[in-house]
């Protein structure tokens, strides 16, 4: 059973933007911290950003370009990605650490 479903990935040119969405399907985000991770082929899974009800944090590599937000009424967490670079190419996954839930991911490809 999928607890988290990601969407919004795609292929863009460098400098482009994408908006990823993570939807909880079997529970409510409520006070849980929700994170985005990414994993490129042959590389380790890297943390990208986390949002709690009161705070946001970002990896240095995406700070100033990505913005994470949440709408608890809609049970959705969004990752707005601007000024994308080829090194942002990866599978992006949503994670709720307190429950041990991972989504299956959505692919982001940045190339000219």
PDB file of N, CA and C in Angstrom:
ATOM      1  N   UNK A   1       0.846  -1.183   0.000  1.00  0.00           N
ATOM      2  CA  UNK A   1       0.000   0.000   0.000  1.00  0.00           C
ATOM      3  C   UNK A   1       0.885   1.239   0.000  1.00  0.00           C
ATOM      4  N   UNK A   2       0.556   2.172  -0.892  1.00  0.00           N
ATOM      5  CA  UNK A   2       1.341   3.380  -0.986  1.00  0.00           C
ATOM      6  C   UNK A   2       0.824   4.416  -0.009  1.00  0.00           C
ATOM      7  N   UNK A   3       1.669   4.810   0.909  1.00  0.00           N
ATOM      8  CA  UNK A   3       1.290   5.826   1.879  1.00  0.00           C
ATOM      9  C   UNK A   3       1.572   7.225   1.361  1.00  0.00           C
ATOM     10  N   UNK A   4       2.585   7.338   0.486  1.00  0.00           N
ATOM     11  CA  UNK A   4       2.987   8.625  -0.072  1.00  0.00           C
ATOM     12  C   UNK A   4       3.072   8.503  -1.589  1.00  0.00           C
ATOM     13  N   UNK A   5       2.535   9.451  -2.295  1.00  0.00           N
ATOM     14  CA  UNK A   5       2.573   9.444  -3.754  1.00  0.00           C
ATOM     15  C   UNK A   5       3.153  10.762  -4.241  1.00  0.00           C
ATOM     16  N   UNK A   6       4.251  10.653  -5.009  1.00  0.00           N
ATOM     17  CA  UNK A   6       4.880  11.848  -5.571  1.00  0.00           C
ATOM     18  C   UNK A   6       4.427  12.040  -7.007  1.00  0.00           C
ATOM     19  N   UNK A   7       4.423  13.291  -7.443  1.00  0.00           N
ATOM     20  CA  UNK A   7       4.116  13.620  -8.835  1.00  0.00           C
ATOM     21  C   UNK A   7       4.778  14.933  -9.204  1.00  0.00           C
ATOM     22  N   UNK A   8       4.791  15.232 -10.486  1.00  0.00           N
ATOM     23  CA  UNK A   8       5.288  16.511 -10.952  1.00  0.00           C
ATOM     24  C   UNK A   8       6.654  16.482 -11.609  1.00  0.00           C
ATOM     25  N   UNK A   9       7.296  15.331 -11.615  1.00  0.00           N
ATOM     26  CA  UNK A   9       8.597  15.244 -12.251  1.00  0.00           C
ATOM     27  C   UNK A   9       8.500  15.381 -13.758  1.00  0.00           C
ATOM     28  N   UNK A  10       9.660  15.495 -14.387  1.00  0.00           N
ATOM     29  CA  UNK A  10       9.694  15.614 -15.838  1.00  0.00           C
ATOM     30  C   UNK A  10      11.070  15.990 -16.310  1.00  0.00           C
ATOM     31  N   UNK A  11      11.136  16.389 -17.574  1.00  0.00           N
ATOM     32  CA  UNK A  11      12.402  16.799 -18.193  1.00  0.00           C
ATOM     33  C   UNK A  11      12.355  18.284 -18.490  1.00  0.00           C
ATOM     34  N   UNK A  12      13.392  18.987 -18.056  1.00  0.00           N
ATOM     35  CA  UNK A  12      13.479  20.423 -18.304  1.00  0.00           C
ATOM     36  C   UNK A  12      14.893  20.795 -18.701  1.00  0.00           C
ATOM     37  N   UNK A  13      15.028  21.964 -19.287  1.00  0.00           N
ATOM     38  CA  UNK A  13      16.344  22.482 -19.613  1.00  0.00           C
ATOM     39  C   UNK A  13      16.946  23.182 -18.399  1.00  0.00           C
ATOM     40  N   UNK A  14      18.263  23.306 -18.375  1.00  0.00           N
ATOM     41  CA  UNK A  14      18.892  24.062 -17.279  1.00  0.00           C
ATOM     42  C   UNK A  14      18.283  25.452 -17.160  1.00  0.00           C
ATOM     43  N   UNK A  15      18.047  25.859 -15.919  1.00  0.00           N
ATOM     44  CA  UNK A  15      17.394  27.130 -15.671  1.00  0.00           C
ATOM     45  C   UNK A  15      15.888  27.038 -15.545  1.00  0.00           C
ATOM     46  N   UNK A  16      15.338  25.888 -15.884  1.00  0.00           N
ATOM     47  CA  UNK A  16      13.900  25.697 -15.822  1.00  0.00           C
ATOM     48  C   UNK A  16      13.402  25.414 -14.418  1.00  0.00           C
ATOM     49  N   UNK A  17      12.098  25.209 -14.324  1.00  0.00           N
ATOM     50  CA  UNK A  17      11.446  24.983 -13.027  1.00  0.00           C
ATOM     51  C   UNK A  17      10.530  23.775 -13.087  1.00  0.00           C
ATOM     52  N   UNK A  18      10.384  23.144 -11.941  1.00  0.00           N
ATOM     53  CA  UNK A  18       9.405  22.078 -11.761  1.00  0.00           C
ATOM     54  C   UNK A  18       8.805  22.201 -10.375  1.00  0.00           C
ATOM     55  N   UNK A  19       7.589  21.685 -10.254  1.00  0.00           N
ATOM     56  CA  UNK A  19       6.915  21.689  -8.961  1.00  0.00           C
ATOM     57  C   UNK A  19       6.520  20.258  -8.625  1.00  0.00           C
ATOM     58  N   UNK A  20       7.138  19.725  -7.598  1.00  0.00           N
ATOM     59  CA  UNK A  20       6.840  18.358  -7.177  1.00  0.00           C
ATOM     60  C   UNK A  20       5.810  18.372  -6.057  1.00  0.00           C
ATOM     61  N   UNK A  21       4.974  17.354  -6.048  1.00  0.00           N
ATOM     62  CA  UNK A  21       3.945  17.232  -5.034  1.00  0.00           C
ATOM     63  C   UNK A  21       4.017  15.872  -4.362  1.00  0.00           C
ATOM     64  N   UNK A  22       3.876  15.873  -3.053  1.00  0.00           N
ATOM     65  CA  UNK A  22       3.810  14.635  -2.271  1.00  0.00           C
ATOM     66  C   UNK A  22       2.462  14.604  -1.567  1.00  0.00           C
ATOM     67  N   UNK A  23       1.691  13.590  -1.840  1.00  0.00           N
ATOM     68  CA  UNK A  23       0.363  13.454  -1.249  1.00  0.00           C
ATOM     69  C   UNK A  23       0.322  12.247  -0.324  1.00  0.00           C
ATOM     70  N   UNK A  24      -0.153  12.446   0.881  1.00  0.00           N
ATOM     71  CA  UNK A  24      -0.350  11.327   1.810  1.00  0.00           C
ATOM     72  C   UNK A  24      -1.703  10.705   1.529  1.00  0.00           C
ATOM     73  N   UNK A  25      -1.714   9.398   1.341  1.00  0.00           N
ATOM     74  CA  UNK A  25      -2.950   8.732   0.927  1.00  0.00           C
ATOM     75  C   UNK A  25      -3.612   7.931   2.031  1.00  0.00           C
ATOM     76  N   UNK A  26      -2.881   7.570   3.071  1.00  0.00           N
ATOM     77  CA  UNK A  26      -3.440   6.698   4.106  1.00  0.00           C
ATOM     78  C   UNK A  26      -3.389   7.312   5.495  1.00  0.00           C
ATOM     79  N   UNK A  27      -2.896   8.530   5.628  1.00  0.00           N
ATOM     80  CA  UNK A  27      -2.779   9.174   6.929  1.00  0.00           C
ATOM     81  C   UNK A  27      -2.772  10.683   6.701  1.00  0.00           C
ATOM     82  N   UNK A  28      -2.724  11.430   7.788  1.00  0.00           N
ATOM     83  CA  UNK A  28      -2.675  12.889   7.693  1.00  0.00           C
ATOM     84  C   UNK A  28      -1.302  13.377   8.134  1.00  0.00           C
ATOM     85  N   UNK A  29      -0.755  14.324   7.353  1.00  0.00           N
ATOM     86  CA  UNK A  29       0.566  14.847   7.705  1.00  0.00           C
ATOM     87  C   UNK A  29       0.559  15.474   9.093  1.00  0.00           C
ATOM     88  N   UNK A  30      -0.410  16.281   9.369  1.00  0.00           N
ATOM     89  CA  UNK A  30      -0.592  16.938  10.668  1.00  0.00           C
ATOM     90  C   UNK A  30       0.724  17.523  11.172  1.00  0.00           C
ATOM     91  N   UNK A  31       1.261  17.062  12.297  1.00  0.00           N
ATOM     92  CA  UNK A  31       2.461  17.638  12.890  1.00  0.00           C
ATOM     93  C   UNK A  31       3.738  16.926  12.465  1.00  0.00           C
ATOM     94  N   UNK A  32       3.631  15.994  11.549  1.00  0.00           N
ATOM     95  CA  UNK A  32       4.825  15.257  11.134  1.00  0.00           C
ATOM     96  C   UNK A  32       5.754  16.101  10.275  1.00  0.00           C
ATOM     97  N   UNK A  33       7.045  15.899  10.466  1.00  0.00           N
ATOM     98  CA  UNK A  33       8.019  16.469   9.551  1.00  0.00           C
ATOM     99  C   UNK A  33       7.988  15.667   8.248  1.00  0.00           C
ATOM    100  N   UNK A  34       8.044  16.371   7.137  1.00  0.00           N
ATOM    101  CA  UNK A  34       8.029  15.738   5.824  1.00  0.00           C
ATOM    102  C   UNK A  34       9.274  16.190   5.069  1.00  0.00           C
ATOM    103  N   UNK A  35       9.953  15.249   4.465  1.00  0.00           N
ATOM    104  CA  UNK A  35      11.205  15.557   3.780  1.00  0.00           C
ATOM    105  C   UNK A  35      11.173  15.108   2.334  1.00  0.00           C
ATOM    106  N   UNK A  36      12.012  15.767   1.550  1.00  0.00           N
ATOM    107  CA  UNK A  36      12.317  15.320   0.200  1.00  0.00           C
ATOM    108  C   UNK A  36      13.770  14.847   0.168  1.00  0.00           C
ATOM    109  N   UNK A  37      13.978  13.733  -0.493  1.00  0.00           N
ATOM    110  CA  UNK A  37      15.306  13.206  -0.766  1.00  0.00           C
ATOM    111  C   UNK A  37      15.437  13.022  -2.277  1.00  0.00           C
ATOM    112  N   UNK A  38      16.653  12.825  -2.735  1.00  0.00           N
ATOM    113  CA  UNK A  38      16.854  12.515  -4.150  1.00  0.00           C
ATOM    114  C   UNK A  38      17.987  11.513  -4.293  1.00  0.00           C
ATOM    115  N   UNK A  39      17.878  10.737  -5.342  1.00  0.00           N
ATOM    116  CA  UNK A  39      18.884   9.719  -5.600  1.00  0.00           C
ATOM    117  C   UNK A  39      19.149   9.625  -7.095  1.00  0.00           C
ATOM    118  N   UNK A  40      20.388   9.890  -7.464  1.00  0.00           N
ATOM    119  CA  UNK A  40      20.813   9.752  -8.856  1.00  0.00           C
ATOM    120  C   UNK A  40      21.343   8.340  -9.075  1.00  0.00           C
ATOM    121  N   UNK A  41      21.316   7.860 -10.304  1.00  0.00           N
ATOM    122  CA  UNK A  41      21.797   6.498 -10.577  1.00  0.00           C
ATOM    123  C   UNK A  41      23.230   6.289 -10.097  1.00  0.00           C
ATOM    124  N   UNK A  42      23.451   5.243  -9.343  1.00  0.00           N
ATOM    125  CA  UNK A  42      24.786   4.916  -8.873  1.00  0.00           C
ATOM    126  C   UNK A  42      25.259   5.742  -7.694  1.00  0.00           C
ATOM    127  N   UNK A  43      24.381   6.592  -7.160  1.00  0.00           N
ATOM    128  CA  UNK A  43      24.780   7.453  -6.045  1.00  0.00           C
ATOM    129  C   UNK A  43      23.898   7.191  -4.833  1.00  0.00           C
ATOM    130  N   UNK A  44      24.341   7.686  -3.700  1.00  0.00           N
ATOM    131  CA  UNK A  44      23.573   7.531  -2.469  1.00  0.00           C
ATOM    132  C   UNK A  44      22.365   8.468  -2.468  1.00  0.00           C
ATOM    133  N   UNK A  45      21.405   8.127  -1.637  1.00  0.00           N
ATOM    134  CA  UNK A  45      20.237   8.975  -1.483  1.00  0.00           C
ATOM    135  C   UNK A  45      20.620  10.185  -0.631  1.00  0.00           C
ATOM    136  N   UNK A  46      20.343  11.370  -1.123  1.00  0.00           N
ATOM    137  CA  UNK A  46      20.715  12.608  -0.443  1.00  0.00           C
ATOM    138  C   UNK A  46      19.480  13.352   0.040  1.00  0.00           C
ATOM    139  N   UNK A  47      19.588  13.931   1.210  1.00  0.00           N
ATOM    140  CA  UNK A  47      18.526  14.766   1.748  1.00  0.00           C
ATOM    141  C   UNK A  47      18.483  16.093   0.990  1.00  0.00           C
ATOM    142  N   UNK A  48      17.267  16.577   0.716  1.00  0.00           N
ATOM    143  CA  UNK A  48      17.092  17.824  -0.027  1.00  0.00           C
ATOM    144  C   UNK A  48      16.480  18.912   0.852  1.00  0.00           C
ATOM    145  N   UNK A  49      15.364  18.588   1.513  1.00  0.00           N
ATOM    146  CA  UNK A  49      14.662  19.606   2.295  1.00  0.00           C
ATOM    147  C   UNK A  49      13.698  18.928   3.258  1.00  0.00           C
ATOM    148  N   UNK A  50      13.391  19.640   4.344  1.00  0.00           N
ATOM    149  CA  UNK A  50      12.437  19.170   5.352  1.00  0.00           C
ATOM    150  C   UNK A  50      11.545  20.310   5.775  1.00  0.00           C
ATOM    151  N   UNK A  51      10.283  19.984   6.013  1.00  0.00           N
ATOM    152  CA  UNK A  51       9.345  20.966   6.541  1.00  0.00           C
ATOM    153  C   UNK A  51       8.638  20.374   7.760  1.00  0.00           C
ATOM    154  N   UNK A  52       8.543  21.189   8.798  1.00  0.00           N
ATOM    155  CA  UNK A  52       7.740  20.869   9.973  1.00  0.00           C
ATOM    156  C   UNK A  52       6.627  21.909  10.037  1.00  0.00           C
ATOM    157  N   UNK A  53       5.735  21.817  11.002  1.00  0.00           N
ATOM    158  CA  UNK A  53       4.700  22.859  11.094  1.00  0.00           C
ATOM    159  C   UNK A  53       5.254  24.259  11.307  1.00  0.00           C
ATOM    160  N   UNK A  54       6.516  24.364  11.764  1.00  0.00           N
ATOM    161  CA  UNK A  54       7.039  25.687  12.110  1.00  0.00           C
ATOM    162  C   UNK A  54       8.368  26.023  11.448  1.00  0.00           C
ATOM    163  N   UNK A  55       8.930  25.130  10.644  1.00  0.00           N
ATOM    164  CA  UNK A  55      10.286  25.366  10.173  1.00  0.00           C
ATOM    165  C   UNK A  55      10.535  24.675   8.839  1.00  0.00           C
ATOM    166  N   UNK A  56      11.479  25.225   8.085  1.00  0.00           N
ATOM    167  CA  UNK A  56      11.960  24.580   6.859  1.00  0.00           C
ATOM    168  C   UNK A  56      13.486  24.556   6.888  1.00  0.00           C
ATOM    169  N   UNK A  57      14.034  23.516   6.308  1.00  0.00           N
ATOM    170  CA  UNK A  57      15.485  23.390   6.205  1.00  0.00           C
ATOM    171  C   UNK A  57      15.832  22.867   4.822  1.00  0.00           C
ATOM    172  N   UNK A  58      17.014  23.276   4.331  1.00  0.00           N
ATOM    173  CA  UNK A  58      17.427  22.908   2.991  1.00  0.00           C
ATOM    174  C   UNK A  58      18.877  22.470   2.969  1.00  0.00           C
ATOM    175  N   UNK A  59      19.170  21.553   2.066  1.00  0.00           N
ATOM    176  CA  UNK A  59      20.557  21.217   1.795  1.00  0.00           C
ATOM    177  C   UNK A  59      21.224  22.420   1.142  1.00  0.00           C
ATOM    178  N   UNK A  60      22.506  22.585   1.383  1.00  0.00           N
ATOM    179  CA  UNK A  60      23.223  23.730   0.828  1.00  0.00           C
ATOM    180  C   UNK A  60      23.141  23.761  -0.694  1.00  0.00           C
ATOM    181  N   UNK A  61      23.087  22.601  -1.303  1.00  0.00           N
ATOM    182  CA  UNK A  61      23.105  22.522  -2.760  1.00  0.00           C
ATOM    183  C   UNK A  61      21.832  23.073  -3.406  1.00  0.00           C
ATOM    184  N   UNK A  62      20.750  23.194  -2.640  1.00  0.00           N
ATOM    185  CA  UNK A  62      19.494  23.665  -3.217  1.00  0.00           C
ATOM    186  C   UNK A  62      19.006  24.961  -2.568  1.00  0.00           C
ATOM    187  N   UNK A  63      19.692  25.419  -1.548  1.00  0.00           N
ATOM    188  CA  UNK A  63      19.268  26.615  -0.819  1.00  0.00           C
ATOM    189  C   UNK A  63      19.201  27.809  -1.766  1.00  0.00           C
ATOM    190  N   UNK A  64      18.092  28.529  -1.705  1.00  0.00           N
ATOM    191  CA  UNK A  64      17.911  29.685  -2.576  1.00  0.00           C
ATOM    192  C   UNK A  64      17.278  29.356  -3.918  1.00  0.00           C
ATOM    193  N   UNK A  65      17.201  28.064  -4.248  1.00  0.00           N
ATOM    194  CA  UNK A  65      16.598  27.655  -5.528  1.00  0.00           C
ATOM    195  C   UNK A  65      15.319  26.835  -5.317  1.00  0.00           C
ATOM    196  N   UNK A  66      15.283  26.065  -4.244  1.00  0.00           N
ATOM    197  CA  UNK A  66      14.130  25.207  -3.953  1.00  0.00           C
ATOM    198  C   UNK A  66      13.350  25.777  -2.774  1.00  0.00           C
ATOM    199  N   UNK A  67      12.052  25.531  -2.777  1.00  0.00           N
ATOM    200  CA  UNK A  67      11.198  25.955  -1.670  1.00  0.00           C
ATOM    201  C   UNK A  67      10.205  24.843  -1.345  1.00  0.00           C
ATOM    202  N   UNK A  68      10.189  24.443  -0.082  1.00  0.00           N
ATOM    203  CA  UNK A  68       9.267  23.404   0.359  1.00  0.00           C
ATOM    204  C   UNK A  68       8.105  24.064   1.106  1.00  0.00           C
ATOM    205  N   UNK A  69       6.913  23.561   0.879  1.00  0.00           N
ATOM    206  CA  UNK A  69       5.733  24.112   1.545  1.00  0.00           C
ATOM    207  C   UNK A  69       4.748  22.974   1.830  1.00  0.00           C
ATOM    208  N   UNK A  70       3.796  23.260   2.685  1.00  0.00           N
ATOM    209  CA  UNK A  70       2.820  22.223   3.036  1.00  0.00           C
ATOM    210  C   UNK A  70       1.432  22.827   3.127  1.00  0.00           C
ATOM    211  N   UNK A  71       0.452  22.030   2.773  1.00  0.00           N
ATOM    212  CA  UNK A  71      -0.953  22.392   2.928  1.00  0.00           C
ATOM    213  C   UNK A  71      -1.604  21.214   3.657  1.00  0.00           C
ATOM    214  N   UNK A  72      -1.694  21.330   4.955  1.00  0.00           N
ATOM    215  CA  UNK A  72      -2.210  20.205   5.747  1.00  0.00           C
ATOM    216  C   UNK A  72      -3.696  19.963   5.487  1.00  0.00           C
ATOM    217  N   UNK A  73      -4.400  20.982   5.075  1.00  0.00           N
ATOM    218  CA  UNK A  73      -5.821  20.785   4.768  1.00  0.00           C
ATOM    219  C   UNK A  73      -5.993  19.873   3.553  1.00  0.00           C
ATOM    220  N   UNK A  74      -5.050  19.999   2.601  1.00  0.00           N
ATOM    221  CA  UNK A  74      -5.091  19.161   1.400  1.00  0.00           C
ATOM    222  C   UNK A  74      -4.204  17.930   1.544  1.00  0.00           C
ATOM    223  N   UNK A  75      -3.450  17.869   2.651  1.00  0.00           N
ATOM    224  CA  UNK A  75      -2.559  16.735   2.894  1.00  0.00           C
ATOM    225  C   UNK A  75      -1.489  16.613   1.819  1.00  0.00           C
ATOM    226  N   UNK A  76      -0.921  17.750   1.462  1.00  0.00           N
ATOM    227  CA  UNK A  76       0.046  17.823   0.376  1.00  0.00           C
ATOM    228  C   UNK A  76       1.278  18.604   0.819  1.00  0.00           C
ATOM    229  N   UNK A  77       2.439  18.120   0.426  1.00  0.00           N
ATOM    230  CA  UNK A  77       3.689  18.857   0.580  1.00  0.00           C
ATOM    231  C   UNK A  77       4.267  19.081  -0.817  1.00  0.00           C
ATOM    232  N   UNK A  78       4.698  20.295  -1.065  1.00  0.00           N
ATOM    233  CA  UNK A  78       5.162  20.680  -2.395  1.00  0.00           C
ATOM    234  C   UNK A  78       6.630  21.099  -2.345  1.00  0.00           C
ATOM    235  N   UNK A  79       7.349  20.761  -3.398  1.00  0.00           N
ATOM    236  CA  UNK A  79       8.733  21.209  -3.561  1.00  0.00           C
ATOM    237  C   UNK A  79       8.820  21.996  -4.860  1.00  0.00           C
ATOM    238  N   UNK A  80       8.931  23.304  -4.746  1.00  0.00           N
ATOM    239  CA  UNK A  80       9.105  24.168  -5.919  1.00  0.00           C
ATOM    240  C   UNK A  80      10.589  24.249  -6.222  1.00  0.00           C
ATOM    241  N   UNK A  81      10.950  23.873  -7.426  1.00  0.00           N
ATOM    242  CA  UNK A  81      12.354  23.839  -7.821  1.00  0.00           C
ATOM    243  C   UNK A  81      12.584  24.811  -8.963  1.00  0.00           C
ATOM    244  N   UNK A  82      13.407  25.817  -8.719  1.00  0.00           N
ATOM    245  CA  UNK A  82      13.714  26.833  -9.719  1.00  0.00           C
ATOM    246  C   UNK A  82      15.190  26.791 -10.082  1.00  0.00           C
ATOM    247  N   UNK A  83      15.516  27.396 -11.213  1.00  0.00           N
ATOM    248  CA  UNK A  83      16.902  27.463 -11.675  1.00  0.00           C
ATOM    249  C   UNK A  83      17.558  26.088 -11.619  1.00  0.00           C
ATOM    250  N   UNK A  84      16.892  25.125 -12.190  1.00  0.00           N
ATOM    251  CA  UNK A  84      17.389  23.752 -12.126  1.00  0.00           C
ATOM    252  C   UNK A  84      18.692  23.584 -12.891  1.00  0.00           C
ATOM    253  N   UNK A  85      19.536  22.714 -12.364  1.00  0.00           N
ATOM    254  CA  UNK A  85      20.844  22.442 -12.939  1.00  0.00           C
ATOM    255  C   UNK A  85      20.933  20.962 -13.308  1.00  0.00           C
ATOM    256  N   UNK A  86      21.813  20.605 -14.225  1.00  0.00           N
ATOM    257  CA  UNK A  86      21.953  19.185 -14.591  1.00  0.00           C
ATOM    258  C   UNK A  86      22.231  18.298 -13.383  1.00  0.00           C
ATOM    259  N   UNK A  87      22.940  18.812 -12.401  1.00  0.00           N
ATOM    260  CA  UNK A  87      23.246  18.015 -11.214  1.00  0.00           C
ATOM    261  C   UNK A  87      22.033  17.792 -10.321  1.00  0.00           C
ATOM    262  N   UNK A  88      20.922  18.421 -10.630  1.00  0.00           N
ATOM    263  CA  UNK A  88      19.678  18.154  -9.897  1.00  0.00           C
ATOM    264  C   UNK A  88      18.961  16.915 -10.436  1.00  0.00           C
ATOM    265  N   UNK A  89      19.448  16.375 -11.521  1.00  0.00           N
ATOM    266  CA  UNK A  89      18.832  15.184 -12.111  1.00  0.00           C
ATOM    267  C   UNK A  89      18.884  14.018 -11.124  1.00  0.00           C
ATOM    268  N   UNK A  90      17.722  13.463 -10.829  1.00  0.00           N
ATOM    269  CA  UNK A  90      17.620  12.376  -9.854  1.00  0.00           C
ATOM    270  C   UNK A  90      16.175  11.933  -9.729  1.00  0.00           C
ATOM    271  N   UNK A  91      15.989  10.826  -9.018  1.00  0.00           N
ATOM    272  CA  UNK A  91      14.660  10.432  -8.572  1.00  0.00           C
ATOM    273  C   UNK A  91      14.409  11.155  -7.250  1.00  0.00           C
ATOM    274  N   UNK A  92      13.290  11.844  -7.152  1.00  0.00           N
ATOM    275  CA  UNK A  92      12.960  12.592  -5.952  1.00  0.00           C
ATOM    276  C   UNK A  92      11.899  11.830  -5.163  1.00  0.00           C
ATOM    277  N   UNK A  93      12.192  11.632  -3.869  1.00  0.00           N
ATOM    278  CA  UNK A  93      11.318  10.825  -3.032  1.00  0.00           C
ATOM    279  C   UNK A  93      10.865  11.611  -1.804  1.00  0.00           C
ATOM    280  N   UNK A  94       9.635  11.362  -1.421  1.00  0.00           N
ATOM    281  CA  UNK A  94       9.041  11.971  -0.237  1.00  0.00           C
ATOM    282  C   UNK A  94       9.193  11.009   0.943  1.00  0.00           C
ATOM    283  N   UNK A  95       9.402  11.570   2.143  1.00  0.00           N
ATOM    284  CA  UNK A  95       9.686  10.723   3.306  1.00  0.00           C
ATOM    285  C   UNK A  95       9.089  11.321   4.577  1.00  0.00           C
ATOM    286  N   UNK A  96       8.438  10.485   5.348  1.00  0.00           N
ATOM    287  CA  UNK A  96       7.988  10.860   6.686  1.00  0.00           C
ATOM    288  C   UNK A  96       8.728   9.963   7.656  1.00  0.00           C
ATOM    289  N   UNK A  97       9.758  10.509   8.275  1.00  0.00           N
ATOM    290  CA  UNK A  97      10.667   9.715   9.082  1.00  0.00           C
ATOM    291  C   UNK A  97      10.022   9.100  10.307  1.00  0.00           C
ATOM    292  N   UNK A  98       9.108   9.832  10.927  1.00  0.00           N
ATOM    293  CA  UNK A  98       8.497   9.346  12.167  1.00  0.00           C
ATOM    294  C   UNK A  98       7.670   8.082  11.942  1.00  0.00           C
ATOM    295  N   UNK A  99       7.218   7.887  10.707  1.00  0.00           N
ATOM    296  CA  UNK A  99       6.408   6.717  10.381  1.00  0.00           C
ATOM    297  C   UNK A  99       7.165   5.715   9.509  1.00  0.00           C
ATOM    298  N   UNK A 100       8.339   6.107   9.061  1.00  0.00           N
ATOM    299  CA  UNK A 100       9.122   5.223   8.211  1.00  0.00           C
ATOM    300  C   UNK A 100       8.577   5.068   6.811  1.00  0.00           C
ATOM    301  N   UNK A 101       7.824   6.057   6.350  1.00  0.00           N
ATOM    302  CA  UNK A 101       7.187   5.971   5.039  1.00  0.00           C
ATOM    303  C   UNK A 101       8.053   6.625   3.964  1.00  0.00           C
ATOM    304  N   UNK A 102       8.149   5.947   2.821  1.00  0.00           N
ATOM    305  CA  UNK A 102       8.781   6.496   1.619  1.00  0.00           C
ATOM    306  C   UNK A 102       7.805   6.376   0.466  1.00  0.00           C
ATOM    307  N   UNK A 103       7.829   7.361  -0.415  1.00  0.00           N
ATOM    308  CA  UNK A 103       7.113   7.211  -1.658  1.00  0.00           C
ATOM    309  C   UNK A 103       7.983   6.492  -2.665  1.00  0.00           C
ATOM    310  N   UNK A 104       7.413   6.232  -3.849  1.00  0.00           N
ATOM    311  CA  UNK A 104       8.179   5.544  -4.895  1.00  0.00           C
ATOM    312  C   UNK A 104       9.013   6.504  -5.715  1.00  0.00           C
ATOM    313  N   UNK A 105       8.713   7.772  -5.648  1.00  0.00           N
ATOM    314  CA  UNK A 105       9.539   8.760  -6.305  1.00  0.00           C
ATOM    315  C   UNK A 105       8.986   9.259  -7.624  1.00  0.00           C
ATOM    316  N   UNK A 106       9.515  10.400  -8.038  1.00  0.00           N
ATOM    317  CA  UNK A 106       9.205  10.981  -9.337  1.00  0.00           C
ATOM    318  C   UNK A 106      10.514  11.463  -9.957  1.00  0.00           C
ATOM    319  N   UNK A 107      10.710  11.164 -11.231  1.00  0.00           N
ATOM    320  CA  UNK A 107      11.990  11.421 -11.892  1.00  0.00           C
ATOM    321  C   UNK A 107      12.073  12.862 -12.382  1.00  0.00           C
ATOM    322  N   UNK A 108      13.203  13.479 -12.080  1.00  0.00           N
ATOM    323  CA  UNK A 108      13.510  14.821 -12.578  1.00  0.00           C
ATOM    324  C   UNK A 108      14.773  14.729 -13.418  1.00  0.00           C
ATOM    325  N   UNK A 109      14.695  15.209 -14.648  1.00  0.00           N
ATOM    326  CA  UNK A 109      15.842  15.210 -15.552  1.00  0.00           C
ATOM    327  C   UNK A 109      16.069  16.616 -16.067  1.00  0.00           C
ATOM    328  N   UNK A 110      17.290  17.096 -15.868  1.00  0.00           N
ATOM    329  CA  UNK A 110      17.651  18.440 -16.316  1.00  0.00           C
ATOM    330  C   UNK A 110      18.784  18.315 -17.329  1.00  0.00           C
ATOM    331  N   UNK A 111      18.481  18.641 -18.565  1.00  0.00           N
ATOM    332  CA  UNK A 111      19.519  18.554 -19.602  1.00  0.00           C
ATOM    333  C   UNK A 111      19.127  19.443 -20.761  1.00  0.00           C
ATOM    334  N   UNK A 112      20.155  19.832 -21.516  1.00  0.00           N
ATOM    335  CA  UNK A 112      19.925  20.659 -22.688  1.00  0.00           C
ATOM    336  C   UNK A 112      19.866  19.805 -23.940  1.00  0.00           C
TER     337      UNK A 112
END
